[in-house]
Amino acid sequence: MTGLRITGGVVTGVRTDRRSVATETVINAAGPWAGAVARLAGQQLPVVPVRHEYFVTRAVPGWHAGLPVLRIPDLRLYVRAEGPGILCGGWEPDGLSLDPRQVAIGQPLAVRPDWEVLSGFAAGFARLAPLVTQAEVREVFRGFPAFSPDGRFIVGPVPGLRGFVMAAACNAHGVSGSAGLAQHVLESLRPDASPYVRSLSPARYLPRTWDWESARAQAEAIYENYYGLTQPRS
């Protein structure tokens, strides 16, 4: 997408590098690029990409797909079997975000593995499963899931711009929450949306009374305290 066609406060189409397409509705589910897509519509919304990483090992004795998923809040870790290997990830105590204003549509957000962080995850889990430090890492997954400053999705129509709907800032629940997110989007378009779905509306950030520096800091805090017993105040 290279642009939006908006006439009289109403979405009428999208432009791409190949052609233009007429449409009455655009659902912005662009993940870490959702803020950039919103800017095409003249909107500024705090969709903050925050780095997240996990690793998968080669086979480790005793590990198999029938084992339960582990969440270890005190160590900021989650662990499960990936076939005969170990999948281990966690929430960094010092979150690393990108400036949403500098993220462009189509811009690759590749990040090199941060072995200091990943080895910290392994060292933490080794307190419970020492074999993890002896296992060879098979693959590292990393990226920039989008977070919001208050830790809630940004879902629903953008006020004053008919046909432009947000489905973003999933706070690392984009895949696991995709079915529920789709239901929330549909519900947000109805006049009788529940109080919960209405609370996710992008209207809470419009008109803009927040600043980018605070938004990034708050989104990082949501990430850092993902397994916290209490969430930081936004």
Protein backbone atom coordinates (compact mmCIF):
# COMPACT_ATOMS: atom_id res chain seq x y z
CA MET A 1 0.00 0.00 0.00
CA THR A 2 1.28 3.44 -0.94
CA GLY A 3 -1.72 5.58 -0.08
CA LEU A 4 -5.38 5.89 0.76
CA ARG A 5 -8.13 7.65 -1.15
CA ILE A 6 -10.25 9.67 1.26
CA THR A 7 -13.13 11.87 0.14
CA GLY A 8 -15.03 14.02 2.61
CA GLY A 9 -13.84 12.02 5.62
CA VAL A 10 -14.76 8.70 4.00
CA VAL A 11 -12.38 6.00 2.75
CA THR A 12 -13.00 5.35 -0.94
CA GLY A 13 -9.97 3.30 -1.95
CA VAL A 14 -6.34 2.30 -1.54
CA ARG A 15 -3.34 2.85 -3.77
CA THR A 16 -0.57 0.32 -4.29
CA ASP A 17 2.56 0.35 -6.40
CA ARG A 18 0.63 -1.68 -9.00
CA ARG A 19 -2.86 -0.18 -9.10
CA SER A 20 -5.62 1.53 -7.19
CA VAL A 21 -8.51 -0.40 -5.64
CA ALA A 22 -11.90 1.01 -4.73
CA THR A 23 -13.13 0.04 -1.27
CA GLU A 24 -15.35 1.40 1.45
CA THR A 25 -13.46 -0.25 4.31
CA VAL A 26 -9.80 -0.59 5.23
CA ILE A 27 -8.91 -2.71 8.26
CA ASN A 28 -5.47 -1.79 9.52
CA ALA A 29 -4.00 -5.07 10.78
CA ALA A 30 -0.44 -4.28 9.74
CA GLY A 31 1.27 -5.28 13.00
CA PRO A 32 4.36 -3.15 13.70
CA TRP A 33 3.62 -1.18 10.50
CA ALA A 34 0.08 -0.28 11.63
CA GLY A 35 1.21 3.14 12.82
CA ALA A 36 2.67 3.87 9.40
CA VAL A 37 -0.57 2.81 7.70
CA ALA A 38 -2.51 5.05 10.09
CA ARG A 39 -0.32 7.97 9.04
CA LEU A 40 -1.47 7.45 5.46
CA ALA A 41 -4.92 8.29 6.78
CA GLY A 42 -3.61 11.37 8.55
CA GLN A 43 -3.85 9.71 11.97
CA GLN A 44 -1.22 9.39 14.70
CA LEU A 45 -1.71 6.37 16.94
CA PRO A 46 0.82 4.97 19.46
CA VAL A 47 1.49 1.56 17.91
CA VAL A 48 4.97 0.84 19.31
CA PRO A 49 7.14 -2.03 17.94
CA VAL A 50 9.01 -3.68 20.84
CA ARG A 51 11.65 -6.35 20.32
CA HIS A 52 10.90 -9.93 21.36
CA GLU A 53 13.04 -13.06 20.96
CA TYR A 54 13.04 -16.76 21.72
CA PHE A 55 15.16 -19.76 20.75
CA VAL A 56 14.59 -23.41 19.89
CA THR A 57 17.18 -26.09 20.66
CA ARG A 58 17.98 -29.35 19.01
CA ALA A 59 16.79 -32.56 20.69
CA VAL A 60 17.13 -32.73 24.46
CA PRO A 61 16.64 -36.02 26.35
CA GLY A 62 13.23 -36.26 27.99
CA TRP A 63 11.57 -33.49 25.98
CA HIS A 64 8.58 -34.32 23.76
CA ALA A 65 5.46 -32.67 22.36
CA GLY A 66 3.22 -34.05 25.12
CA LEU A 67 4.77 -31.87 27.82
CA PRO A 68 2.84 -28.83 29.13
CA VAL A 69 3.65 -25.22 28.42
CA LEU A 70 5.51 -23.56 31.28
CA ARG A 71 5.23 -19.95 32.37
CA ILE A 72 7.69 -18.85 35.04
CA PRO A 73 6.78 -15.28 36.05
CA ASP A 74 9.61 -14.92 38.57
CA LEU A 75 12.12 -15.58 35.78
CA ARG A 76 10.12 -13.74 33.06
CA LEU A 77 10.22 -16.93 30.99
CA TYR A 78 7.94 -19.18 28.98
CA VAL A 79 9.03 -22.65 27.85
CA ARG A 80 7.55 -25.55 25.97
CA ALA A 81 8.70 -28.56 23.99
CA GLU A 82 9.18 -28.00 20.28
CA GLY A 83 9.16 -31.62 19.17
CA PRO A 84 12.14 -33.13 21.01
CA GLY A 85 13.72 -29.73 21.56
CA ILE A 86 13.15 -26.83 23.95
CA LEU A 87 11.52 -23.56 22.98
CA CYS A 88 12.49 -20.87 25.47
CA GLY A 89 11.66 -17.18 25.40
CA GLY A 90 11.14 -14.37 27.81
CA TRP A 91 10.48 -10.73 28.51
CA GLU A 92 13.53 -8.51 28.72
CA PRO A 93 13.84 -6.32 31.82
CA ASP A 94 14.94 -3.44 29.58
CA GLY A 95 12.64 -3.33 26.57
CA LEU A 96 13.95 -2.15 23.23
CA SER A 97 11.44 -0.32 21.02
CA LEU A 98 11.55 1.34 17.64
CA ASP A 99 10.42 4.90 17.14
CA PRO A 100 7.05 4.39 15.40
CA ARG A 101 7.53 7.65 13.50
CA GLN A 102 10.58 6.15 11.78
CA VAL A 103 8.93 2.86 10.74
CA ALA A 104 7.90 2.94 7.08
CA ILE A 105 5.44 0.66 5.29
CA GLY A 106 7.33 -2.27 3.79
CA GLN A 107 10.46 -1.53 5.81
CA PRO A 108 12.10 -4.79 6.94
CA LEU A 109 12.28 -4.96 10.72
CA ALA A 110 14.88 -7.70 10.89
CA VAL A 111 16.96 -7.84 14.03
CA ARG A 112 20.09 -9.84 14.74
CA PRO A 113 19.83 -12.31 17.61
CA ASP A 114 20.89 -10.71 20.87
CA TRP A 115 22.87 -13.56 22.35
CA GLU A 116 23.34 -11.81 25.67
CA VAL A 117 19.58 -11.68 26.12
CA LEU A 118 19.01 -15.21 24.81
CA SER A 119 21.76 -16.68 26.98
CA GLY A 120 20.15 -14.92 29.93
CA PHE A 121 16.90 -16.75 29.18
CA ALA A 122 18.82 -20.04 29.02
CA ALA A 123 20.69 -19.34 32.25
CA GLY A 124 17.44 -18.56 34.04
CA PHE A 125 15.75 -21.74 32.86
CA ALA A 126 18.89 -23.78 33.65
CA ARG A 127 18.06 -23.28 37.32
CA LEU A 128 15.16 -25.67 36.70
CA ALA A 129 16.43 -27.68 33.71
CA PRO A 130 20.27 -27.70 33.55
CA LEU A 131 20.31 -29.55 30.21
CA VAL A 132 19.17 -26.41 28.39
CA THR A 133 22.67 -24.92 28.62
CA GLN A 134 24.17 -28.00 26.98
CA ALA A 135 21.76 -28.06 24.06
CA GLU A 136 22.65 -26.65 20.66
CA VAL A 137 20.46 -23.80 19.49
CA ARG A 138 18.68 -24.81 16.28
CA GLU A 139 16.91 -21.57 15.49
CA VAL A 140 16.23 -18.10 16.87
CA PHE A 141 12.96 -16.26 16.28
CA ARG A 142 12.83 -12.52 16.77
CA GLY A 143 10.82 -9.55 15.69
CA PHE A 144 8.96 -6.44 16.77
CA PRO A 145 5.40 -7.16 17.91
CA ALA A 146 3.42 -3.96 18.42
CA PHE A 147 2.48 -2.77 21.90
CA SER A 148 0.22 0.02 23.09
CA PRO A 149 0.97 2.33 26.03
CA ASP A 150 -1.86 0.87 28.12
CA GLY A 151 -1.38 -2.78 27.16
CA ARG A 152 -4.75 -3.08 25.40
CA PHE A 153 -5.48 -3.72 21.75
CA ILE A 154 -6.31 -0.78 19.52
CA VAL A 155 -9.47 -2.01 17.80
CA GLY A 156 -12.34 -0.31 16.05
CA PRO A 157 -13.30 2.52 13.70
CA VAL A 158 -11.23 5.70 13.80
CA PRO A 159 -13.52 8.59 14.78
CA GLY A 160 -14.10 11.10 12.01
CA LEU A 161 -12.82 8.79 9.26
CA ARG A 162 -15.56 6.44 8.09
CA GLY A 163 -14.31 3.13 6.76
CA PHE A 164 -10.90 3.12 8.48
CA VAL A 165 -10.77 0.45 11.18
CA MET A 166 -7.89 -0.43 13.48
CA ALA A 167 -6.90 -3.97 14.49
CA ALA A 168 -3.47 -3.36 15.94
CA ALA A 169 -1.22 -3.19 19.01
CA CYS A 170 -1.89 -6.78 20.01
CA ASN A 171 0.85 -6.75 22.66
CA ALA A 172 2.38 -10.05 21.41
CA HIS A 173 -1.04 -11.73 21.11
CA GLY A 174 -1.40 -11.22 17.36
CA VAL A 175 -1.36 -14.91 16.46
CA SER A 176 -2.83 -16.46 19.60
CA GLY A 177 -5.54 -13.82 19.79
CA SER A 178 -6.34 -13.56 16.09
CA ALA A 179 -9.74 -15.28 16.26
CA GLY A 180 -10.87 -13.15 19.18
CA LEU A 181 -9.43 -10.04 17.55
CA ALA A 182 -11.52 -10.67 14.43
CA GLN A 183 -14.63 -10.97 16.59
CA HIS A 184 -13.76 -7.71 18.35
CA VAL A 185 -13.33 -5.94 15.01
CA LEU A 186 -16.75 -7.09 13.82
CA GLU A 187 -18.37 -6.17 17.12
CA SER A 188 -16.75 -2.71 17.09
CA LEU A 189 -18.67 -1.93 13.88
CA ARG A 190 -22.02 -2.53 15.56
CA PRO A 191 -23.89 0.16 17.48
CA ASP A 192 -24.34 -2.22 20.44
CA ALA A 193 -20.66 -3.10 21.00
CA SER A 194 -19.88 -4.25 24.54
CA PRO A 195 -18.20 -1.88 27.01
CA TYR A 196 -15.02 -3.95 26.73
CA VAL A 197 -14.80 -3.65 22.96
CA ARG A 198 -15.63 0.06 23.15
CA SER A 199 -12.72 0.43 25.60
CA LEU A 200 -10.34 -0.77 22.87
CA SER A 201 -11.34 2.03 20.49
CA PRO A 202 -8.61 4.20 18.97
CA ALA A 203 -10.75 7.09 20.22
CA ARG A 204 -8.88 6.88 23.53
CA TYR A 205 -5.82 8.27 21.77
CA LEU A 206 -7.69 10.88 19.73
CA PRO A 207 -7.45 13.79 19.73
CA ARG A 208 -3.81 13.41 20.60
CA THR A 209 -3.02 14.42 24.18
CA TRP A 210 -0.01 12.12 24.54
CA ASP A 211 3.62 12.44 23.41
CA TRP A 212 5.72 9.89 21.55
CA GLU A 213 8.47 9.61 24.15
CA SER A 214 6.02 8.77 26.92
CA ALA A 215 4.10 6.39 24.65
CA ARG A 216 7.29 4.44 23.88
CA ALA A 217 8.32 4.30 27.53
CA GLN A 218 4.88 3.08 28.60
CA ALA A 219 4.74 0.45 25.83
CA GLU A 220 8.18 -0.82 26.87
CA ALA A 221 6.98 -1.01 30.47
CA ILE A 222 3.99 -3.13 29.38
CA TYR A 223 6.44 -5.50 27.68
CA GLU A 224 8.87 -5.58 30.60
CA ASN A 225 6.10 -6.34 33.09
CA TYR A 226 4.24 -8.84 30.91
CA TYR A 227 4.45 -11.48 33.64
CA GLY A 228 4.18 -8.98 36.48
CA LEU A 229 1.52 -9.50 39.12
CA THR A 230 0.45 -5.91 38.57
CA GLN A 231 0.69 -3.86 35.39
CA PRO A 232 2.33 -0.43 35.41
CA ARG A 233 0.00 2.53 35.21
CA SER A 234 -0.10 4.24 31.85
